[in-house]
Amino acid sequence: MICVKTKKVVLKVALLGDSAVGKTSLINRYTEEIFKESYQPTLGVNIVMKKLKINDVDVQLAIWDIAGQDKYELTRKLFFEGCAGALLIYDLTRHSTFDRIKTKWLEDFRKFARSDGVYIVIGNKVDLKNSNTVSSEKGESLANEIKASDFIETSAKSGANVESSFIRLTSQVLENFSDNVN
């Protein structure tokens, strides 16, 4: 009988983006497999835990849903401490949310999170194809420009690419911090 010791790690990741881009909906879809049509803005921060296994590592994912409203600007930076990764999310139907990925959310992440943290650019609401104002090519171009680990289009409503977004972010964080995990 061979006994293999499983590694265990806790990772803090954040979902960042303007208000109403679908951060909470993505978390709900990923953790509870539900989608709620009604919109309720996050007040400050909400933390959700999710267990997953990637290769031989048991991961306890601490997912920080950080409010996107400007009124939380002063307290928001406190939520970034120890953050190893982020999903930088914009709404495919609102170009202004795309513009703020680089000028606001990436800047905050780089300024306040771990200096070696990783991030993925997410274009959410792909199910609203007829209303999209940001092309896939623009999303991919932005991800390359800001040196994101990946670019993914998701739909919290249909569930398209939601789980894979979290798994890819977690895998990238584990890969970047492999020396600390081993």
N, C-alpha and C. Protein backbone atom coordinates (compact mmCIF):
# COMPACT_ATOMS: atom_id res chain seq x y z
N MET A 1 0.84 -1.18 0.00
CA MET A 1 0.00 0.00 0.00
C MET A 1 0.89 1.25 0.00
N ILE A 2 0.61 2.16 -0.91
CA ILE A 2 1.37 3.39 -1.00
C ILE A 2 0.52 4.52 -0.43
N CYS A 3 1.11 5.27 0.47
CA CYS A 3 0.42 6.40 1.08
C CYS A 3 1.03 7.70 0.56
N VAL A 4 0.24 8.47 -0.13
CA VAL A 4 0.70 9.74 -0.67
C VAL A 4 0.11 10.86 0.19
N LYS A 5 0.99 11.71 0.68
CA LYS A 5 0.52 12.83 1.50
C LYS A 5 0.02 13.95 0.59
N THR A 6 -1.22 14.37 0.82
CA THR A 6 -1.80 15.44 0.04
C THR A 6 -1.42 16.79 0.65
N LYS A 7 -1.04 17.70 -0.21
CA LYS A 7 -0.72 19.06 0.24
C LYS A 7 -2.01 19.83 0.42
N LYS A 8 -2.01 20.71 1.43
CA LYS A 8 -3.17 21.57 1.67
C LYS A 8 -2.72 23.01 1.68
N VAL A 9 -3.52 23.87 1.05
CA VAL A 9 -3.16 25.28 0.97
C VAL A 9 -4.43 26.13 0.99
N VAL A 10 -4.32 27.30 1.58
CA VAL A 10 -5.40 28.28 1.56
C VAL A 10 -4.96 29.42 0.66
N LEU A 11 -5.79 29.78 -0.31
CA LEU A 11 -5.47 30.86 -1.23
C LEU A 11 -6.54 31.93 -1.18
N LYS A 12 -6.10 33.17 -1.13
CA LYS A 12 -7.02 34.30 -1.17
C LYS A 12 -7.01 34.87 -2.58
N VAL A 13 -8.19 34.91 -3.18
CA VAL A 13 -8.35 35.52 -4.51
C VAL A 13 -9.49 36.53 -4.44
N ALA A 14 -9.44 37.50 -5.33
CA ALA A 14 -10.46 38.55 -5.33
C ALA A 14 -11.11 38.65 -6.70
N LEU A 15 -12.36 39.08 -6.70
CA LEU A 15 -13.05 39.43 -7.93
C LEU A 15 -13.16 40.94 -7.94
N LEU A 16 -12.60 41.54 -8.99
CA LEU A 16 -12.52 42.99 -9.08
C LEU A 16 -13.19 43.48 -10.35
N GLY A 17 -13.87 44.60 -10.24
CA GLY A 17 -14.53 45.20 -11.39
C GLY A 17 -15.58 46.17 -10.93
N ASP A 18 -16.07 46.96 -11.86
CA ASP A 18 -17.09 47.95 -11.55
C ASP A 18 -18.36 47.27 -11.02
N SER A 19 -19.20 48.09 -10.43
CA SER A 19 -20.48 47.65 -9.92
C SER A 19 -21.31 47.04 -11.06
N ALA A 20 -21.99 45.95 -10.76
CA ALA A 20 -22.93 45.30 -11.68
C ALA A 20 -22.29 44.61 -12.89
N VAL A 21 -21.00 44.26 -12.81
CA VAL A 21 -20.39 43.49 -13.90
C VAL A 21 -20.65 42.00 -13.74
N GLY A 22 -21.12 41.59 -12.55
CA GLY A 22 -21.47 40.19 -12.34
C GLY A 22 -20.54 39.44 -11.41
N LYS A 23 -19.79 40.13 -10.56
CA LYS A 23 -18.85 39.46 -9.65
C LYS A 23 -19.58 38.49 -8.72
N THR A 24 -20.60 38.98 -8.04
CA THR A 24 -21.35 38.14 -7.11
C THR A 24 -22.04 37.00 -7.84
N SER A 25 -22.58 37.28 -9.01
CA SER A 25 -23.25 36.24 -9.79
C SER A 25 -22.28 35.14 -10.21
N LEU A 26 -21.05 35.52 -10.56
CA LEU A 26 -20.04 34.50 -10.91
C LEU A 26 -19.72 33.64 -9.70
N ILE A 27 -19.59 34.26 -8.55
CA ILE A 27 -19.31 33.49 -7.32
C ILE A 27 -20.47 32.57 -7.00
N ASN A 28 -21.69 33.08 -7.08
CA ASN A 28 -22.87 32.24 -6.80
C ASN A 28 -22.96 31.06 -7.76
N ARG A 29 -22.67 31.31 -9.02
CA ARG A 29 -22.71 30.24 -10.02
C ARG A 29 -21.65 29.19 -9.70
N TYR A 30 -20.44 29.65 -9.34
CA TYR A 30 -19.33 28.74 -9.07
C TYR A 30 -19.52 27.95 -7.77
N THR A 31 -19.95 28.62 -6.72
CA THR A 31 -20.00 27.96 -5.42
C THR A 31 -21.32 27.25 -5.14
N GLU A 32 -22.43 27.77 -5.68
CA GLU A 32 -23.74 27.21 -5.38
C GLU A 32 -24.50 26.73 -6.61
N GLU A 33 -23.92 26.97 -7.80
CA GLU A 33 -24.55 26.61 -9.06
C GLU A 33 -25.93 27.22 -9.23
N ILE A 34 -26.03 28.51 -8.81
CA ILE A 34 -27.29 29.23 -8.96
C ILE A 34 -27.04 30.57 -9.66
N PHE A 35 -28.12 31.12 -10.20
CA PHE A 35 -28.08 32.46 -10.78
C PHE A 35 -29.34 33.18 -10.36
N LYS A 36 -29.18 34.38 -9.82
CA LYS A 36 -30.32 35.19 -9.41
C LYS A 36 -30.47 36.36 -10.37
N GLU A 37 -31.68 36.53 -10.90
CA GLU A 37 -31.94 37.62 -11.86
C GLU A 37 -31.86 38.99 -11.20
N SER A 38 -32.24 39.08 -9.93
CA SER A 38 -32.27 40.38 -9.27
C SER A 38 -30.85 40.82 -8.89
N TYR A 39 -30.62 42.12 -8.94
CA TYR A 39 -29.31 42.69 -8.64
C TYR A 39 -29.31 43.31 -7.25
N GLN A 40 -28.38 42.89 -6.43
CA GLN A 40 -28.17 43.46 -5.11
C GLN A 40 -26.69 43.78 -5.00
N PRO A 41 -26.32 45.06 -4.92
CA PRO A 41 -24.89 45.39 -4.85
C PRO A 41 -24.25 44.88 -3.56
N THR A 42 -22.98 44.47 -3.69
CA THR A 42 -22.21 44.04 -2.53
C THR A 42 -21.88 45.27 -1.70
N LEU A 43 -22.02 45.13 -0.39
CA LEU A 43 -21.69 46.21 0.52
C LEU A 43 -20.32 45.93 1.14
N GLY A 44 -19.30 46.65 0.68
CA GLY A 44 -17.95 46.46 1.20
C GLY A 44 -17.29 45.24 0.60
N VAL A 45 -17.42 44.11 1.31
CA VAL A 45 -16.82 42.87 0.84
C VAL A 45 -17.63 41.68 1.34
N ASN A 46 -17.65 40.62 0.56
CA ASN A 46 -18.26 39.37 0.97
C ASN A 46 -17.22 38.28 0.71
N ILE A 47 -17.05 37.38 1.67
CA ILE A 47 -16.04 36.32 1.54
C ILE A 47 -16.75 34.97 1.49
N VAL A 48 -16.42 34.20 0.47
CA VAL A 48 -17.01 32.88 0.27
C VAL A 48 -15.87 31.86 0.18
N MET A 49 -16.04 30.73 0.83
CA MET A 49 -15.02 29.68 0.82
C MET A 49 -15.46 28.56 -0.12
N LYS A 50 -14.48 28.00 -0.81
CA LYS A 50 -14.75 26.88 -1.73
C LYS A 50 -13.57 25.93 -1.70
N LYS A 51 -13.85 24.66 -1.51
CA LYS A 51 -12.80 23.64 -1.52
C LYS A 51 -12.72 23.03 -2.91
N LEU A 52 -11.50 22.83 -3.37
CA LEU A 52 -11.28 22.13 -4.63
C LEU A 52 -9.94 21.42 -4.58
N LYS A 53 -9.75 20.51 -5.49
CA LYS A 53 -8.50 19.77 -5.56
C LYS A 53 -7.92 19.96 -6.94
N ILE A 54 -6.67 20.38 -6.98
CA ILE A 54 -5.96 20.55 -8.24
C ILE A 54 -4.69 19.74 -8.15
N ASN A 55 -4.59 18.74 -9.03
CA ASN A 55 -3.49 17.77 -8.99
C ASN A 55 -3.47 17.14 -7.61
N ASP A 56 -2.40 17.26 -6.87
CA ASP A 56 -2.34 16.65 -5.55
C ASP A 56 -2.45 17.68 -4.43
N VAL A 57 -3.07 18.81 -4.72
CA VAL A 57 -3.19 19.88 -3.74
C VAL A 57 -4.66 20.11 -3.39
N ASP A 58 -4.96 20.01 -2.09
CA ASP A 58 -6.28 20.39 -1.60
C ASP A 58 -6.25 21.88 -1.35
N VAL A 59 -7.12 22.60 -2.05
CA VAL A 59 -7.14 24.06 -1.96
C VAL A 59 -8.40 24.51 -1.25
N GLN A 60 -8.20 25.37 -0.27
CA GLN A 60 -9.31 26.08 0.35
C GLN A 60 -9.25 27.48 -0.25
N LEU A 61 -10.17 27.77 -1.13
CA LEU A 61 -10.17 29.05 -1.85
C LEU A 61 -11.01 30.05 -1.07
N ALA A 62 -10.38 31.13 -0.65
CA ALA A 62 -11.08 32.24 0.01
C ALA A 62 -11.34 33.28 -1.08
N ILE A 63 -12.59 33.35 -1.52
CA ILE A 63 -12.96 34.22 -2.64
C ILE A 63 -13.53 35.52 -2.06
N TRP A 64 -12.84 36.61 -2.34
CA TRP A 64 -13.25 37.92 -1.84
C TRP A 64 -14.00 38.66 -2.94
N ASP A 65 -15.26 38.91 -2.68
CA ASP A 65 -16.13 39.65 -3.59
C ASP A 65 -16.08 41.11 -3.12
N ILE A 66 -15.27 41.90 -3.80
CA ILE A 66 -15.02 43.28 -3.36
C ILE A 66 -15.93 44.23 -4.12
N ALA A 67 -16.67 45.05 -3.35
CA ALA A 67 -17.64 45.98 -3.94
C ALA A 67 -16.97 46.90 -4.96
N GLY A 68 -17.68 47.17 -6.04
CA GLY A 68 -17.15 48.01 -7.10
C GLY A 68 -17.56 49.47 -7.02
N GLN A 69 -18.45 49.81 -6.08
CA GLN A 69 -18.91 51.19 -5.99
C GLN A 69 -17.79 52.11 -5.49
N ASP A 70 -17.76 53.31 -6.03
CA ASP A 70 -16.73 54.28 -5.66
C ASP A 70 -16.76 54.66 -4.19
N LYS A 71 -17.90 54.56 -3.54
CA LYS A 71 -17.99 54.97 -2.14
C LYS A 71 -17.16 54.07 -1.22
N TYR A 72 -16.72 52.92 -1.71
CA TYR A 72 -15.88 52.02 -0.91
C TYR A 72 -14.39 52.19 -1.20
N GLU A 73 -14.05 53.21 -1.97
CA GLU A 73 -12.67 53.42 -2.41
C GLU A 73 -11.68 53.45 -1.24
N LEU A 74 -11.99 54.17 -0.19
CA LEU A 74 -11.05 54.33 0.93
C LEU A 74 -10.81 53.04 1.71
N THR A 75 -11.83 52.22 1.86
CA THR A 75 -11.68 50.99 2.64
C THR A 75 -11.26 49.80 1.77
N ARG A 76 -11.45 49.91 0.48
CA ARG A 76 -11.21 48.77 -0.41
C ARG A 76 -9.78 48.24 -0.32
N LYS A 77 -8.81 49.12 -0.22
CA LYS A 77 -7.41 48.68 -0.22
C LYS A 77 -7.10 47.74 0.93
N LEU A 78 -7.84 47.83 2.03
CA LEU A 78 -7.63 46.94 3.17
C LEU A 78 -7.96 45.48 2.81
N PHE A 79 -8.85 45.30 1.84
CA PHE A 79 -9.30 43.96 1.47
C PHE A 79 -8.29 43.20 0.61
N PHE A 80 -7.28 43.88 0.08
CA PHE A 80 -6.34 43.27 -0.84
C PHE A 80 -5.20 42.51 -0.15
N GLU A 81 -4.95 42.76 1.12
CA GLU A 81 -3.79 42.20 1.80
C GLU A 81 -3.74 40.68 1.66
N GLY A 82 -2.61 40.18 1.19
CA GLY A 82 -2.41 38.74 1.04
C GLY A 82 -3.08 38.12 -0.17
N CYS A 83 -3.66 38.93 -1.02
CA CYS A 83 -4.38 38.43 -2.19
C CYS A 83 -3.38 37.90 -3.23
N ALA A 84 -3.52 36.62 -3.58
CA ALA A 84 -2.58 35.97 -4.50
C ALA A 84 -3.04 35.98 -5.95
N GLY A 85 -4.32 36.25 -6.17
CA GLY A 85 -4.83 36.24 -7.53
C GLY A 85 -6.14 36.99 -7.64
N ALA A 86 -6.49 37.35 -8.87
CA ALA A 86 -7.74 38.08 -9.08
C ALA A 86 -8.32 37.78 -10.45
N LEU A 87 -9.64 37.83 -10.49
CA LEU A 87 -10.36 37.86 -11.75
C LEU A 87 -10.73 39.32 -11.96
N LEU A 88 -10.22 39.93 -13.03
CA LEU A 88 -10.52 41.31 -13.38
C LEU A 88 -11.69 41.27 -14.35
N ILE A 89 -12.86 41.67 -13.88
CA ILE A 89 -14.11 41.41 -14.61
C ILE A 89 -14.71 42.68 -15.19
N TYR A 90 -15.11 42.59 -16.45
CA TYR A 90 -15.88 43.67 -17.07
C TYR A 90 -17.13 43.08 -17.69
N ASP A 91 -18.09 43.96 -17.93
CA ASP A 91 -19.37 43.59 -18.53
C ASP A 91 -19.24 43.80 -20.04
N LEU A 92 -19.42 42.74 -20.79
CA LEU A 92 -19.29 42.81 -22.25
C LEU A 92 -20.27 43.80 -22.89
N THR A 93 -21.31 44.17 -22.17
CA THR A 93 -22.31 45.09 -22.73
C THR A 93 -22.09 46.54 -22.32
N ARG A 94 -21.09 46.80 -21.48
CA ARG A 94 -20.80 48.17 -21.01
C ARG A 94 -19.32 48.47 -21.20
N HIS A 95 -18.99 49.19 -22.25
CA HIS A 95 -17.60 49.46 -22.60
C HIS A 95 -16.86 50.19 -21.49
N SER A 96 -17.53 51.04 -20.73
CA SER A 96 -16.88 51.79 -19.65
C SER A 96 -16.27 50.85 -18.60
N THR A 97 -16.89 49.69 -18.38
CA THR A 97 -16.36 48.74 -17.39
C THR A 97 -15.09 48.07 -17.92
N PHE A 98 -15.00 47.93 -19.23
CA PHE A 98 -13.81 47.39 -19.89
C PHE A 98 -12.65 48.38 -19.73
N ASP A 99 -12.91 49.65 -19.98
CA ASP A 99 -11.86 50.68 -19.88
C ASP A 99 -11.26 50.74 -18.48
N ARG A 100 -12.06 50.50 -17.45
CA ARG A 100 -11.58 50.63 -16.07
C ARG A 100 -10.78 49.42 -15.58
N ILE A 101 -10.74 48.34 -16.36
CA ILE A 101 -9.91 47.21 -15.96
C ILE A 101 -8.45 47.66 -15.84
N LYS A 102 -7.97 48.35 -16.85
CA LYS A 102 -6.57 48.79 -16.85
C LYS A 102 -6.35 50.02 -15.98
N THR A 103 -7.25 50.98 -16.06
CA THR A 103 -7.03 52.26 -15.38
C THR A 103 -7.39 52.25 -13.90
N LYS A 104 -8.19 51.29 -13.46
CA LYS A 104 -8.62 51.26 -12.06
C LYS A 104 -8.27 49.95 -11.37
N TRP A 105 -8.85 48.85 -11.85
CA TRP A 105 -8.79 47.59 -11.11
C TRP A 105 -7.41 46.95 -11.14
N LEU A 106 -6.74 46.97 -12.26
CA LEU A 106 -5.38 46.43 -12.32
C LEU A 106 -4.44 47.29 -11.47
N GLU A 107 -4.60 48.61 -11.54
CA GLU A 107 -3.77 49.49 -10.73
C GLU A 107 -3.94 49.20 -9.24
N ASP A 108 -5.18 49.05 -8.80
CA ASP A 108 -5.44 48.72 -7.39
C ASP A 108 -4.81 47.39 -7.01
N PHE A 109 -4.99 46.39 -7.87
CA PHE A 109 -4.43 45.07 -7.57
C PHE A 109 -2.91 45.15 -7.43
N ARG A 110 -2.27 45.81 -8.38
CA ARG A 110 -0.81 45.92 -8.34
C ARG A 110 -0.33 46.73 -7.14
N LYS A 111 -1.11 47.71 -6.75
CA LYS A 111 -0.71 48.59 -5.66
C LYS A 111 -0.90 47.94 -4.29
N PHE A 112 -1.98 47.18 -4.11
CA PHE A 112 -2.34 46.72 -2.78
C PHE A 112 -2.24 45.21 -2.54
N ALA A 113 -2.26 44.40 -3.59
CA ALA A 113 -2.19 42.94 -3.42
C ALA A 113 -0.74 42.48 -3.39
N ARG A 114 -0.53 41.18 -3.34
CA ARG A 114 0.84 40.65 -3.37
C ARG A 114 1.52 41.07 -4.66
N SER A 115 2.79 41.40 -4.56
CA SER A 115 3.53 41.85 -5.74
C SER A 115 3.68 40.74 -6.78
N ASP A 116 3.58 39.49 -6.34
CA ASP A 116 3.71 38.35 -7.25
C ASP A 116 2.35 37.73 -7.59
N GLY A 117 1.28 38.48 -7.34
CA GLY A 117 -0.05 37.98 -7.62
C GLY A 117 -0.33 37.85 -9.11
N VAL A 118 -1.25 36.97 -9.46
CA VAL A 118 -1.61 36.74 -10.86
C VAL A 118 -3.07 37.14 -11.08
N TYR A 119 -3.42 37.40 -12.32
CA TYR A 119 -4.77 37.82 -12.63
C TYR A 119 -5.17 37.37 -14.02
N ILE A 120 -6.48 37.19 -14.17
CA ILE A 120 -7.09 36.80 -15.44
C ILE A 120 -8.13 37.85 -15.78
N VAL A 121 -8.21 38.23 -17.04
CA VAL A 121 -9.24 39.16 -17.51
C VAL A 121 -10.47 38.36 -17.90
N ILE A 122 -11.61 38.79 -17.37
CA ILE A 122 -12.88 38.11 -17.62
C ILE A 122 -13.86 39.07 -18.29
N GLY A 123 -14.37 38.70 -19.44
CA GLY A 123 -15.48 39.41 -20.07
C GLY A 123 -16.75 38.65 -19.72
N ASN A 124 -17.60 39.21 -18.88
CA ASN A 124 -18.80 38.52 -18.41
C ASN A 124 -20.04 38.95 -19.19
N LYS A 125 -21.03 38.10 -19.16
CA LYS A 125 -22.34 38.29 -19.81
C LYS A 125 -22.26 37.97 -21.30
N VAL A 126 -21.50 36.93 -21.64
CA VAL A 126 -21.38 36.50 -23.03
C VAL A 126 -22.73 36.00 -23.57
N ASP A 127 -23.64 35.67 -22.67
CA ASP A 127 -24.98 35.23 -23.10
C ASP A 127 -25.78 36.36 -23.75
N LEU A 128 -25.34 37.61 -23.55
CA LEU A 128 -26.04 38.76 -24.14
C LEU A 128 -25.36 39.18 -25.45
N LYS A 129 -25.07 38.22 -26.30
CA LYS A 129 -24.32 38.42 -27.55
C LYS A 129 -24.79 39.64 -28.35
N ASN A 130 -26.09 39.82 -28.47
CA ASN A 130 -26.62 40.91 -29.29
C ASN A 130 -26.38 42.29 -28.68
N SER A 131 -26.04 42.35 -27.41
CA SER A 131 -25.82 43.62 -26.73
C SER A 131 -24.35 43.92 -26.47
N ASN A 132 -23.47 43.00 -26.85
CA ASN A 132 -22.04 43.18 -26.56
C ASN A 132 -21.47 44.40 -27.27
N THR A 133 -20.70 45.19 -26.51
CA THR A 133 -20.03 46.36 -27.07
C THR A 133 -18.51 46.18 -27.08
N VAL A 134 -18.04 45.10 -26.46
CA VAL A 134 -16.60 44.83 -26.40
C VAL A 134 -16.35 43.49 -27.10
N SER A 135 -15.56 43.52 -28.16
CA SER A 135 -15.29 42.29 -28.92
C SER A 135 -14.32 41.38 -28.16
N SER A 136 -14.35 40.11 -28.53
CA SER A 136 -13.40 39.14 -27.96
C SER A 136 -11.97 39.56 -28.27
N GLU A 137 -11.77 40.09 -29.45
CA GLU A 137 -10.42 40.52 -29.85
C GLU A 137 -9.90 41.63 -28.94
N LYS A 138 -10.78 42.58 -28.58
CA LYS A 138 -10.38 43.65 -27.67
C LYS A 138 -10.03 43.08 -26.30
N GLY A 139 -10.80 42.14 -25.84
CA GLY A 139 -10.53 41.50 -24.54
C GLY A 139 -9.20 40.79 -24.54
N GLU A 140 -8.95 40.01 -25.59
CA GLU A 140 -7.67 39.29 -25.71
C GLU A 140 -6.51 40.26 -25.81
N SER A 141 -6.70 41.34 -26.56
CA SER A 141 -5.65 42.34 -26.72
C SER A 141 -5.31 43.00 -25.37
N LEU A 142 -6.34 43.34 -24.60
CA LEU A 142 -6.11 43.92 -23.28
C LEU A 142 -5.37 42.94 -22.38
N ALA A 143 -5.80 41.69 -22.36
CA ALA A 143 -5.15 40.68 -21.53
C ALA A 143 -3.66 40.56 -21.87
N ASN A 144 -3.35 40.55 -23.16
CA ASN A 144 -1.94 40.50 -23.59
C ASN A 144 -1.19 41.75 -23.17
N GLU A 145 -1.82 42.90 -23.37
CA GLU A 145 -1.18 44.19 -23.05
C GLU A 145 -0.82 44.30 -21.56
N ILE A 146 -1.71 43.85 -20.69
CA ILE A 146 -1.47 43.99 -19.25
C ILE A 146 -0.82 42.74 -18.65
N LYS A 147 -0.44 41.80 -19.52
CA LYS A 147 0.24 40.58 -19.11
C LYS A 147 -0.59 39.72 -18.13
N ALA A 148 -1.86 39.62 -18.45
CA ALA A 148 -2.75 38.74 -17.68
C ALA A 148 -2.39 37.29 -17.99
N SER A 149 -2.68 36.41 -17.06
CA SER A 149 -2.41 34.99 -17.27
C SER A 149 -3.31 34.39 -18.33
N ASP A 150 -4.49 35.01 -18.52
CA ASP A 150 -5.47 34.43 -19.44
C ASP A 150 -6.56 35.46 -19.72
N PHE A 151 -7.37 35.17 -20.72
CA PHE A 151 -8.58 35.93 -21.02
C PHE A 151 -9.69 34.92 -21.26
N ILE A 152 -10.82 35.14 -20.58
CA ILE A 152 -11.93 34.20 -20.69
C ILE A 152 -13.24 35.00 -20.76
N GLU A 153 -14.14 34.57 -21.62
CA GLU A 153 -15.48 35.14 -21.63
C GLU A 153 -16.41 34.17 -20.90
N THR A 154 -17.21 34.72 -20.00
CA THR A 154 -18.06 33.90 -19.14
C THR A 154 -19.52 34.36 -19.20
N SER A 155 -20.37 33.53 -18.65
CA SER A 155 -21.76 33.89 -18.41
C SER A 155 -22.17 33.29 -17.07
N ALA A 156 -22.41 34.17 -16.10
CA ALA A 156 -22.90 33.69 -14.82
C ALA A 156 -24.31 33.10 -14.98
N LYS A 157 -25.04 33.63 -15.93
CA LYS A 157 -26.41 33.17 -16.15
C LYS A 157 -26.45 31.73 -16.68
N SER A 158 -25.68 31.45 -17.73
CA SER A 158 -25.69 30.11 -18.31
C SER A 158 -24.67 29.18 -17.67
N GLY A 159 -23.67 29.77 -17.01
CA GLY A 159 -22.60 28.99 -16.40
C GLY A 159 -21.40 28.81 -17.31
N ALA A 160 -21.46 29.35 -18.52
CA ALA A 160 -20.38 29.17 -19.49
C ALA A 160 -19.04 29.67 -18.95
N ASN A 161 -18.08 28.78 -18.90
CA ASN A 161 -16.69 29.06 -18.52
C ASN A 161 -16.48 29.57 -17.09
N VAL A 162 -17.51 29.51 -16.25
CA VAL A 162 -17.38 30.03 -14.89
C VAL A 162 -16.43 29.16 -14.07
N GLU A 163 -16.73 27.87 -13.99
CA GLU A 163 -15.88 26.98 -13.20
C GLU A 163 -14.45 26.98 -13.72
N SER A 164 -14.29 26.93 -15.03
CA SER A 164 -12.93 26.91 -15.60
C SER A 164 -12.16 28.18 -15.28
N SER A 165 -12.85 29.33 -15.15
CA SER A 165 -12.17 30.57 -14.78
C SER A 165 -11.53 30.47 -13.41
N PHE A 166 -12.27 29.96 -12.45
CA PHE A 166 -11.74 29.82 -11.09
C PHE A 166 -10.64 28.77 -11.04
N ILE A 167 -10.83 27.68 -11.77
CA ILE A 167 -9.82 26.62 -11.78
C ILE A 167 -8.54 27.11 -12.44
N ARG A 168 -8.66 27.83 -13.54
CA ARG A 168 -7.47 28.34 -14.23
C ARG A 168 -6.73 29.36 -13.37
N LEU A 169 -7.47 30.23 -12.69
CA LEU A 169 -6.82 31.19 -11.79
C LEU A 169 -6.11 30.46 -10.65
N THR A 170 -6.79 29.52 -10.03
CA THR A 170 -6.19 28.76 -8.93
C THR A 170 -4.97 27.99 -9.40
N SER A 171 -5.05 27.36 -10.56
CA SER A 171 -3.91 26.62 -11.11
C SER A 171 -2.73 27.54 -11.36
N GLN A 172 -2.99 28.73 -11.89
CA GLN A 172 -1.92 29.69 -12.17
C GLN A 172 -1.28 30.17 -10.87
N VAL A 173 -2.09 30.43 -9.85
CA VAL A 173 -1.55 30.84 -8.56
C VAL A 173 -0.67 29.73 -7.99
N LEU A 174 -1.17 28.49 -8.04
CA LEU A 174 -0.38 27.36 -7.52
C LEU A 174 0.93 27.20 -8.28
N GLU A 175 0.87 27.37 -9.59
CA GLU A 175 2.08 27.26 -10.41
C GLU A 175 3.09 28.35 -10.03
N ASN A 176 2.61 29.56 -9.86
CA ASN A 176 3.50 30.67 -9.50
C ASN A 176 4.10 30.53 -8.11
N PHE A 177 3.35 29.91 -7.22
CA PHE A 177 3.83 29.78 -5.84
C PHE A 177 4.21 28.34 -5.51
N SER A 178 4.58 27.56 -6.51
CA SER A 178 4.86 26.13 -6.31
C SER A 178 5.95 25.87 -5.27
N ASP A 179 6.92 26.74 -5.15
CA ASP A 179 7.98 26.54 -4.16
C ASP A 179 7.42 26.59 -2.75
N ASN A 180 6.41 27.44 -2.52
CA ASN A 180 5.82 27.56 -1.20
C ASN A 180 4.85 26.42 -0.90
N VAL A 181 4.31 25.78 -1.94
CA VAL A 181 3.35 24.70 -1.75
C VAL A 181 4.06 23.37 -1.50
N ASN A 182 5.22 23.19 -2.16
CA ASN A 182 5.95 21.91 -2.03
C ASN A 182 6.64 21.78 -0.70
